[in-house]
Amino acid sequence: MASSHLAEDQLLPGEALWASVRDRSRLQAVPKEMGPDTRTLSRYFDVTYATAQLAPTTISKVNTAVQLLMVASTLAAPVFNYVDHSLLHMLWYITAGTTITSAVSYLVTKDTYKFFKPSK
């Protein structure tokens, strides 16, 4: 959420897009074997229908830390007058790189999800 607001204010170019692409790849990592009705909005938010569990990859955990650092640094940039600093721009590129890598890791690593047996 904060990333999209920072992108709107032109403090953070494109990071919101990469974060949403990564999150979309997480949803695509779970195969459609779970059934046709599992991707509805009401079932998505109802935890009683959990049929699979996504496990975060190591790069995903690193990405989360880098994203938090990037958002905090970008929010502080106007206050401390370093909006156009090269280190801040480099942090944006590093964040984009780890976000893309995280998205790819969810798509290519097969042990990032496990299925629960349906209870009868």
N, C-alpha and C. Protein backbone atom coordinates (compact mmCIF):
# COMPACT_ATOMS: atom_id res chain seq x y z
N MET A 1 0.81 -1.18 0.00
CA MET A 1 0.00 0.00 0.00
C MET A 1 0.87 1.26 0.00
N ALA A 2 1.85 1.29 0.86
CA ALA A 2 2.71 2.47 0.92
C ALA A 2 3.48 2.64 -0.38
N SER A 3 3.86 1.53 -1.00
CA SER A 3 4.59 1.62 -2.27
C SER A 3 3.77 2.30 -3.34
N SER A 4 2.47 1.98 -3.40
CA SER A 4 1.64 2.60 -4.44
C SER A 4 1.47 4.09 -4.18
N HIS A 5 1.38 4.50 -2.92
CA HIS A 5 1.26 5.93 -2.61
C HIS A 5 2.57 6.66 -2.93
N LEU A 6 3.69 6.02 -2.65
CA LEU A 6 4.97 6.64 -2.98
C LEU A 6 5.14 6.76 -4.49
N ALA A 7 4.66 5.77 -5.23
CA ALA A 7 4.73 5.83 -6.68
C ALA A 7 3.84 6.96 -7.21
N GLU A 8 2.67 7.14 -6.61
CA GLU A 8 1.78 8.24 -7.00
C GLU A 8 2.45 9.60 -6.81
N ASP A 9 3.16 9.75 -5.72
CA ASP A 9 3.83 11.02 -5.41
C ASP A 9 5.16 11.15 -6.14
N GLN A 10 5.47 10.23 -7.02
CA GLN A 10 6.69 10.19 -7.82
C GLN A 10 7.95 10.14 -6.96
N LEU A 11 7.83 9.55 -5.78
CA LEU A 11 9.00 9.32 -4.94
C LEU A 11 9.57 7.93 -5.18
N LEU A 12 8.77 7.06 -5.76
CA LEU A 12 9.16 5.66 -5.91
C LEU A 12 8.74 5.15 -7.28
N PRO A 13 9.59 5.21 -8.26
CA PRO A 13 9.19 4.82 -9.61
C PRO A 13 9.11 3.31 -9.80
N GLY A 14 7.93 2.82 -10.06
CA GLY A 14 7.74 1.45 -10.51
C GLY A 14 7.76 0.35 -9.46
N GLU A 15 8.17 0.61 -8.25
CA GLU A 15 8.27 -0.47 -7.26
C GLU A 15 6.92 -1.08 -6.95
N ALA A 16 5.89 -0.27 -6.94
CA ALA A 16 4.55 -0.80 -6.67
C ALA A 16 4.16 -1.83 -7.71
N LEU A 17 4.55 -1.60 -8.95
CA LEU A 17 4.26 -2.55 -10.02
C LEU A 17 4.95 -3.89 -9.76
N TRP A 18 6.23 -3.84 -9.39
CA TRP A 18 6.98 -5.09 -9.17
C TRP A 18 6.43 -5.86 -7.97
N ALA A 19 6.02 -5.16 -6.94
CA ALA A 19 5.46 -5.84 -5.77
C ALA A 19 4.16 -6.54 -6.13
N SER A 20 3.33 -5.90 -6.95
CA SER A 20 2.08 -6.55 -7.34
C SER A 20 2.33 -7.72 -8.28
N VAL A 21 3.35 -7.63 -9.13
CA VAL A 21 3.71 -8.75 -10.01
C VAL A 21 4.18 -9.93 -9.16
N ARG A 22 4.98 -9.66 -8.15
CA ARG A 22 5.46 -10.73 -7.27
C ARG A 22 4.30 -11.39 -6.53
N ASP A 23 3.37 -10.59 -6.02
CA ASP A 23 2.23 -11.15 -5.30
C ASP A 23 1.35 -11.96 -6.23
N ARG A 24 1.20 -11.53 -7.44
CA ARG A 24 0.41 -12.28 -8.44
C ARG A 24 1.08 -13.62 -8.73
N SER A 25 2.41 -13.64 -8.78
CA SER A 25 3.11 -14.90 -9.05
C SER A 25 2.94 -15.87 -7.89
N ARG A 26 2.79 -15.35 -6.67
CA ARG A 26 2.51 -16.24 -5.53
C ARG A 26 1.19 -16.96 -5.72
N LEU A 27 0.19 -16.22 -6.18
CA LEU A 27 -1.12 -16.83 -6.40
C LEU A 27 -1.06 -17.84 -7.54
N GLN A 28 -0.25 -17.58 -8.54
CA GLN A 28 -0.14 -18.49 -9.67
C GLN A 28 0.70 -19.72 -9.33
N ALA A 29 1.48 -19.66 -8.26
CA ALA A 29 2.34 -20.78 -7.89
C ALA A 29 1.53 -21.99 -7.44
N VAL A 30 0.35 -21.76 -6.92
CA VAL A 30 -0.51 -22.86 -6.47
C VAL A 30 -1.26 -23.37 -7.69
N PRO A 31 -1.08 -24.65 -8.03
CA PRO A 31 -1.70 -25.19 -9.23
C PRO A 31 -3.21 -25.16 -9.18
N LYS A 32 -3.82 -25.31 -10.33
CA LYS A 32 -5.27 -25.30 -10.43
C LYS A 32 -5.88 -26.63 -10.02
N GLU A 33 -5.06 -27.54 -9.51
CA GLU A 33 -5.55 -28.84 -9.04
C GLU A 33 -6.50 -28.69 -7.86
N MET A 34 -6.47 -27.53 -7.24
CA MET A 34 -7.26 -27.32 -6.04
C MET A 34 -8.75 -27.23 -6.36
N GLY A 35 -9.10 -27.11 -7.60
CA GLY A 35 -10.50 -27.04 -7.97
C GLY A 35 -10.84 -25.73 -8.62
N PRO A 36 -11.91 -25.70 -9.41
CA PRO A 36 -12.24 -24.50 -10.16
C PRO A 36 -12.79 -23.36 -9.30
N ASP A 37 -13.39 -23.67 -8.15
CA ASP A 37 -14.03 -22.62 -7.36
C ASP A 37 -13.13 -22.05 -6.27
N THR A 38 -11.85 -22.43 -6.25
CA THR A 38 -10.97 -21.97 -5.17
C THR A 38 -10.45 -20.56 -5.39
N ARG A 39 -10.63 -19.99 -6.55
CA ARG A 39 -10.08 -18.67 -6.82
C ARG A 39 -11.15 -17.58 -6.78
N THR A 40 -12.22 -17.80 -6.07
CA THR A 40 -13.22 -16.76 -5.91
C THR A 40 -12.81 -15.86 -4.75
N LEU A 41 -13.28 -14.63 -4.76
CA LEU A 41 -12.88 -13.66 -3.74
C LEU A 41 -13.33 -14.07 -2.34
N SER A 42 -14.54 -14.60 -2.23
CA SER A 42 -15.03 -14.98 -0.90
C SER A 42 -14.23 -16.15 -0.34
N ARG A 43 -13.85 -17.10 -1.17
CA ARG A 43 -13.06 -18.23 -0.67
C ARG A 43 -11.61 -17.82 -0.41
N TYR A 44 -11.14 -16.82 -1.13
CA TYR A 44 -9.77 -16.36 -0.94
C TYR A 44 -9.57 -15.81 0.47
N PHE A 45 -10.57 -15.11 1.00
CA PHE A 45 -10.44 -14.50 2.32
C PHE A 45 -11.00 -15.37 3.45
N ASP A 46 -11.59 -16.51 3.14
CA ASP A 46 -12.15 -17.40 4.16
C ASP A 46 -11.10 -18.46 4.52
N VAL A 47 -10.52 -18.34 5.72
CA VAL A 47 -9.44 -19.24 6.13
C VAL A 47 -9.91 -20.67 6.40
N THR A 48 -11.21 -20.88 6.53
CA THR A 48 -11.70 -22.24 6.78
C THR A 48 -11.58 -23.12 5.54
N TYR A 49 -11.38 -22.51 4.37
CA TYR A 49 -11.24 -23.27 3.13
C TYR A 49 -9.78 -23.46 2.72
N ALA A 50 -8.85 -23.26 3.61
CA ALA A 50 -7.44 -23.36 3.25
C ALA A 50 -7.12 -24.77 2.77
N THR A 51 -6.69 -24.87 1.53
CA THR A 51 -6.33 -26.16 0.96
C THR A 51 -4.85 -26.25 0.64
N ALA A 52 -4.16 -25.13 0.74
CA ALA A 52 -2.73 -25.11 0.46
C ALA A 52 -2.08 -24.05 1.33
N GLN A 53 -0.80 -24.24 1.56
CA GLN A 53 -0.03 -23.27 2.35
C GLN A 53 1.20 -22.89 1.55
N LEU A 54 1.42 -21.60 1.38
CA LEU A 54 2.61 -21.11 0.72
C LEU A 54 3.70 -20.88 1.75
N ALA A 55 4.87 -21.39 1.48
CA ALA A 55 6.01 -21.18 2.37
C ALA A 55 6.93 -20.15 1.72
N PRO A 56 7.33 -19.12 2.44
CA PRO A 56 8.19 -18.11 1.84
C PRO A 56 9.59 -18.66 1.54
N THR A 57 10.14 -18.25 0.42
CA THR A 57 11.50 -18.64 0.08
C THR A 57 12.47 -17.69 0.78
N THR A 58 13.72 -18.05 0.80
CA THR A 58 14.73 -17.21 1.45
C THR A 58 14.83 -15.85 0.77
N ILE A 59 14.82 -15.85 -0.57
CA ILE A 59 14.90 -14.57 -1.28
C ILE A 59 13.67 -13.73 -1.01
N SER A 60 12.54 -14.36 -0.76
CA SER A 60 11.32 -13.62 -0.44
C SER A 60 11.46 -12.92 0.92
N LYS A 61 12.08 -13.59 1.86
CA LYS A 61 12.31 -12.98 3.17
C LYS A 61 13.29 -11.81 3.07
N VAL A 62 14.35 -12.00 2.27
CA VAL A 62 15.31 -10.93 2.04
C VAL A 62 14.61 -9.76 1.34
N ASN A 63 13.77 -10.09 0.36
CA ASN A 63 13.04 -9.07 -0.37
C ASN A 63 12.15 -8.24 0.55
N THR A 64 11.49 -8.89 1.50
CA THR A 64 10.64 -8.17 2.44
C THR A 64 11.46 -7.17 3.25
N ALA A 65 12.62 -7.58 3.72
CA ALA A 65 13.48 -6.68 4.49
C ALA A 65 13.96 -5.52 3.62
N VAL A 66 14.35 -5.81 2.38
CA VAL A 66 14.82 -4.76 1.48
C VAL A 66 13.68 -3.79 1.15
N GLN A 67 12.47 -4.33 0.95
CA GLN A 67 11.32 -3.45 0.67
C GLN A 67 11.01 -2.53 1.85
N LEU A 68 11.06 -3.06 3.06
CA LEU A 68 10.82 -2.22 4.24
C LEU A 68 11.87 -1.12 4.36
N LEU A 69 13.12 -1.47 4.12
CA LEU A 69 14.20 -0.48 4.15
C LEU A 69 14.00 0.58 3.07
N MET A 70 13.59 0.12 1.88
CA MET A 70 13.38 1.03 0.77
C MET A 70 12.22 1.99 1.04
N VAL A 71 11.12 1.49 1.57
CA VAL A 71 9.98 2.36 1.86
C VAL A 71 10.34 3.36 2.96
N ALA A 72 11.01 2.90 4.01
CA ALA A 72 11.41 3.81 5.09
C ALA A 72 12.39 4.87 4.57
N SER A 73 13.33 4.46 3.76
CA SER A 73 14.31 5.42 3.22
C SER A 73 13.65 6.42 2.28
N THR A 74 12.72 5.94 1.46
CA THR A 74 12.05 6.83 0.53
C THR A 74 11.13 7.81 1.26
N LEU A 75 10.48 7.34 2.32
CA LEU A 75 9.66 8.25 3.11
C LEU A 75 10.49 9.31 3.81
N ALA A 76 11.69 8.95 4.23
CA ALA A 76 12.57 9.89 4.92
C ALA A 76 13.31 10.81 3.96
N ALA A 77 13.37 10.47 2.69
CA ALA A 77 14.15 11.25 1.72
C ALA A 77 13.75 12.72 1.65
N PRO A 78 12.47 13.07 1.56
CA PRO A 78 12.14 14.50 1.51
C PRO A 78 12.46 15.24 2.81
N VAL A 79 12.35 14.53 3.92
CA VAL A 79 12.60 15.16 5.22
C VAL A 79 14.08 15.51 5.37
N PHE A 80 14.95 14.59 4.98
CA PHE A 80 16.39 14.78 5.14
C PHE A 80 17.07 15.26 3.86
N ASN A 81 16.26 15.60 2.86
CA ASN A 81 16.74 16.21 1.61
C ASN A 81 17.73 15.32 0.85
N TYR A 82 17.40 14.06 0.65
CA TYR A 82 18.22 13.20 -0.20
C TYR A 82 17.36 12.46 -1.23
N VAL A 83 16.37 13.17 -1.78
CA VAL A 83 15.45 12.56 -2.74
C VAL A 83 16.18 12.07 -3.99
N ASP A 84 17.13 12.84 -4.49
CA ASP A 84 17.83 12.46 -5.72
C ASP A 84 19.20 11.85 -5.46
N HIS A 85 19.41 11.31 -4.31
CA HIS A 85 20.71 10.71 -3.99
C HIS A 85 20.89 9.39 -4.74
N SER A 86 22.09 9.15 -5.20
CA SER A 86 22.35 7.94 -6.00
C SER A 86 22.19 6.66 -5.18
N LEU A 87 22.48 6.70 -3.88
CA LEU A 87 22.29 5.51 -3.05
C LEU A 87 20.82 5.14 -2.92
N LEU A 88 19.94 6.14 -2.87
CA LEU A 88 18.51 5.87 -2.81
C LEU A 88 18.03 5.24 -4.11
N HIS A 89 18.52 5.75 -5.22
CA HIS A 89 18.17 5.17 -6.52
C HIS A 89 18.69 3.74 -6.65
N MET A 90 19.90 3.51 -6.13
CA MET A 90 20.45 2.16 -6.17
C MET A 90 19.60 1.22 -5.31
N LEU A 91 19.11 1.69 -4.17
CA LEU A 91 18.25 0.88 -3.32
C LEU A 91 16.96 0.53 -4.05
N TRP A 92 16.43 1.44 -4.86
CA TRP A 92 15.24 1.15 -5.65
C TRP A 92 15.51 0.02 -6.64
N TYR A 93 16.67 0.07 -7.31
CA TYR A 93 17.01 -0.98 -8.27
C TYR A 93 17.25 -2.32 -7.58
N ILE A 94 17.90 -2.29 -6.43
CA ILE A 94 18.12 -3.52 -5.67
C ILE A 94 16.78 -4.12 -5.25
N THR A 95 15.87 -3.26 -4.81
CA THR A 95 14.54 -3.73 -4.42
C THR A 95 13.80 -4.34 -5.60
N ALA A 96 13.87 -3.69 -6.75
CA ALA A 96 13.23 -4.24 -7.94
C ALA A 96 13.84 -5.59 -8.31
N GLY A 97 15.16 -5.70 -8.20
CA GLY A 97 15.83 -6.96 -8.51
C GLY A 97 15.44 -8.09 -7.57
N THR A 98 15.39 -7.80 -6.28
CA THR A 98 15.01 -8.85 -5.34
C THR A 98 13.53 -9.21 -5.48
N THR A 99 12.71 -8.23 -5.85
CA THR A 99 11.29 -8.52 -6.05
C THR A 99 11.08 -9.42 -7.26
N ILE A 100 11.77 -9.14 -8.35
CA ILE A 100 11.66 -9.98 -9.54
C ILE A 100 12.20 -11.37 -9.24
N THR A 101 13.33 -11.45 -8.56
CA THR A 101 13.89 -12.75 -8.20
C THR A 101 12.95 -13.53 -7.30
N SER A 102 12.32 -12.86 -6.37
CA SER A 102 11.36 -13.52 -5.49
C SER A 102 10.17 -14.06 -6.28
N ALA A 103 9.68 -13.28 -7.23
CA ALA A 103 8.55 -13.73 -8.06
C ALA A 103 8.93 -14.97 -8.86
N VAL A 104 10.10 -14.95 -9.44
CA VAL A 104 10.56 -16.10 -10.22
C VAL A 104 10.74 -17.32 -9.32
N SER A 105 11.24 -17.10 -8.10
CA SER A 105 11.45 -18.23 -7.20
C SER A 105 10.15 -18.94 -6.86
N TYR A 106 9.05 -18.18 -6.75
CA TYR A 106 7.76 -18.81 -6.47
C TYR A 106 7.26 -19.61 -7.67
N LEU A 107 7.63 -19.19 -8.85
CA LEU A 107 7.16 -19.88 -10.05
C LEU A 107 7.97 -21.13 -10.36
N VAL A 108 9.27 -21.14 -10.05
CA VAL A 108 10.11 -22.27 -10.43
C VAL A 108 10.39 -23.26 -9.31
N THR A 109 10.23 -22.85 -8.07
CA THR A 109 10.49 -23.75 -6.94
C THR A 109 9.22 -24.50 -6.61
N LYS A 110 9.28 -25.80 -6.65
CA LYS A 110 8.07 -26.61 -6.46
C LYS A 110 7.72 -26.85 -4.99
N ASP A 111 8.65 -26.64 -4.08
CA ASP A 111 8.34 -26.91 -2.67
C ASP A 111 7.92 -25.65 -1.91
N THR A 112 7.46 -24.63 -2.62
CA THR A 112 7.01 -23.42 -1.94
C THR A 112 5.57 -23.55 -1.48
N TYR A 113 4.90 -24.59 -1.84
CA TYR A 113 3.52 -24.79 -1.41
C TYR A 113 3.30 -26.24 -1.03
N LYS A 114 2.39 -26.46 -0.12
CA LYS A 114 1.98 -27.83 0.22
C LYS A 114 0.47 -27.86 0.33
N PHE A 115 -0.09 -29.00 -0.04
CA PHE A 115 -1.53 -29.14 -0.02
C PHE A 115 -1.98 -29.82 1.26
N PHE A 116 -3.12 -29.39 1.75
CA PHE A 116 -3.73 -30.04 2.89
C PHE A 116 -4.72 -31.08 2.38
N LYS A 117 -4.82 -32.16 3.10
CA LYS A 117 -5.81 -33.17 2.73
C LYS A 117 -7.20 -32.66 3.10
N PRO A 118 -8.16 -32.78 2.20
CA PRO A 118 -9.50 -32.30 2.53
C PRO A 118 -10.10 -33.13 3.66
N SER A 119 -10.69 -32.45 4.62
CA SER A 119 -11.33 -33.15 5.73
C SER A 119 -12.77 -33.50 5.35
N LYS A 120 -13.15 -34.71 5.67
CA LYS A 120 -14.50 -35.16 5.32
C LYS A 120 -15.31 -35.43 6.55
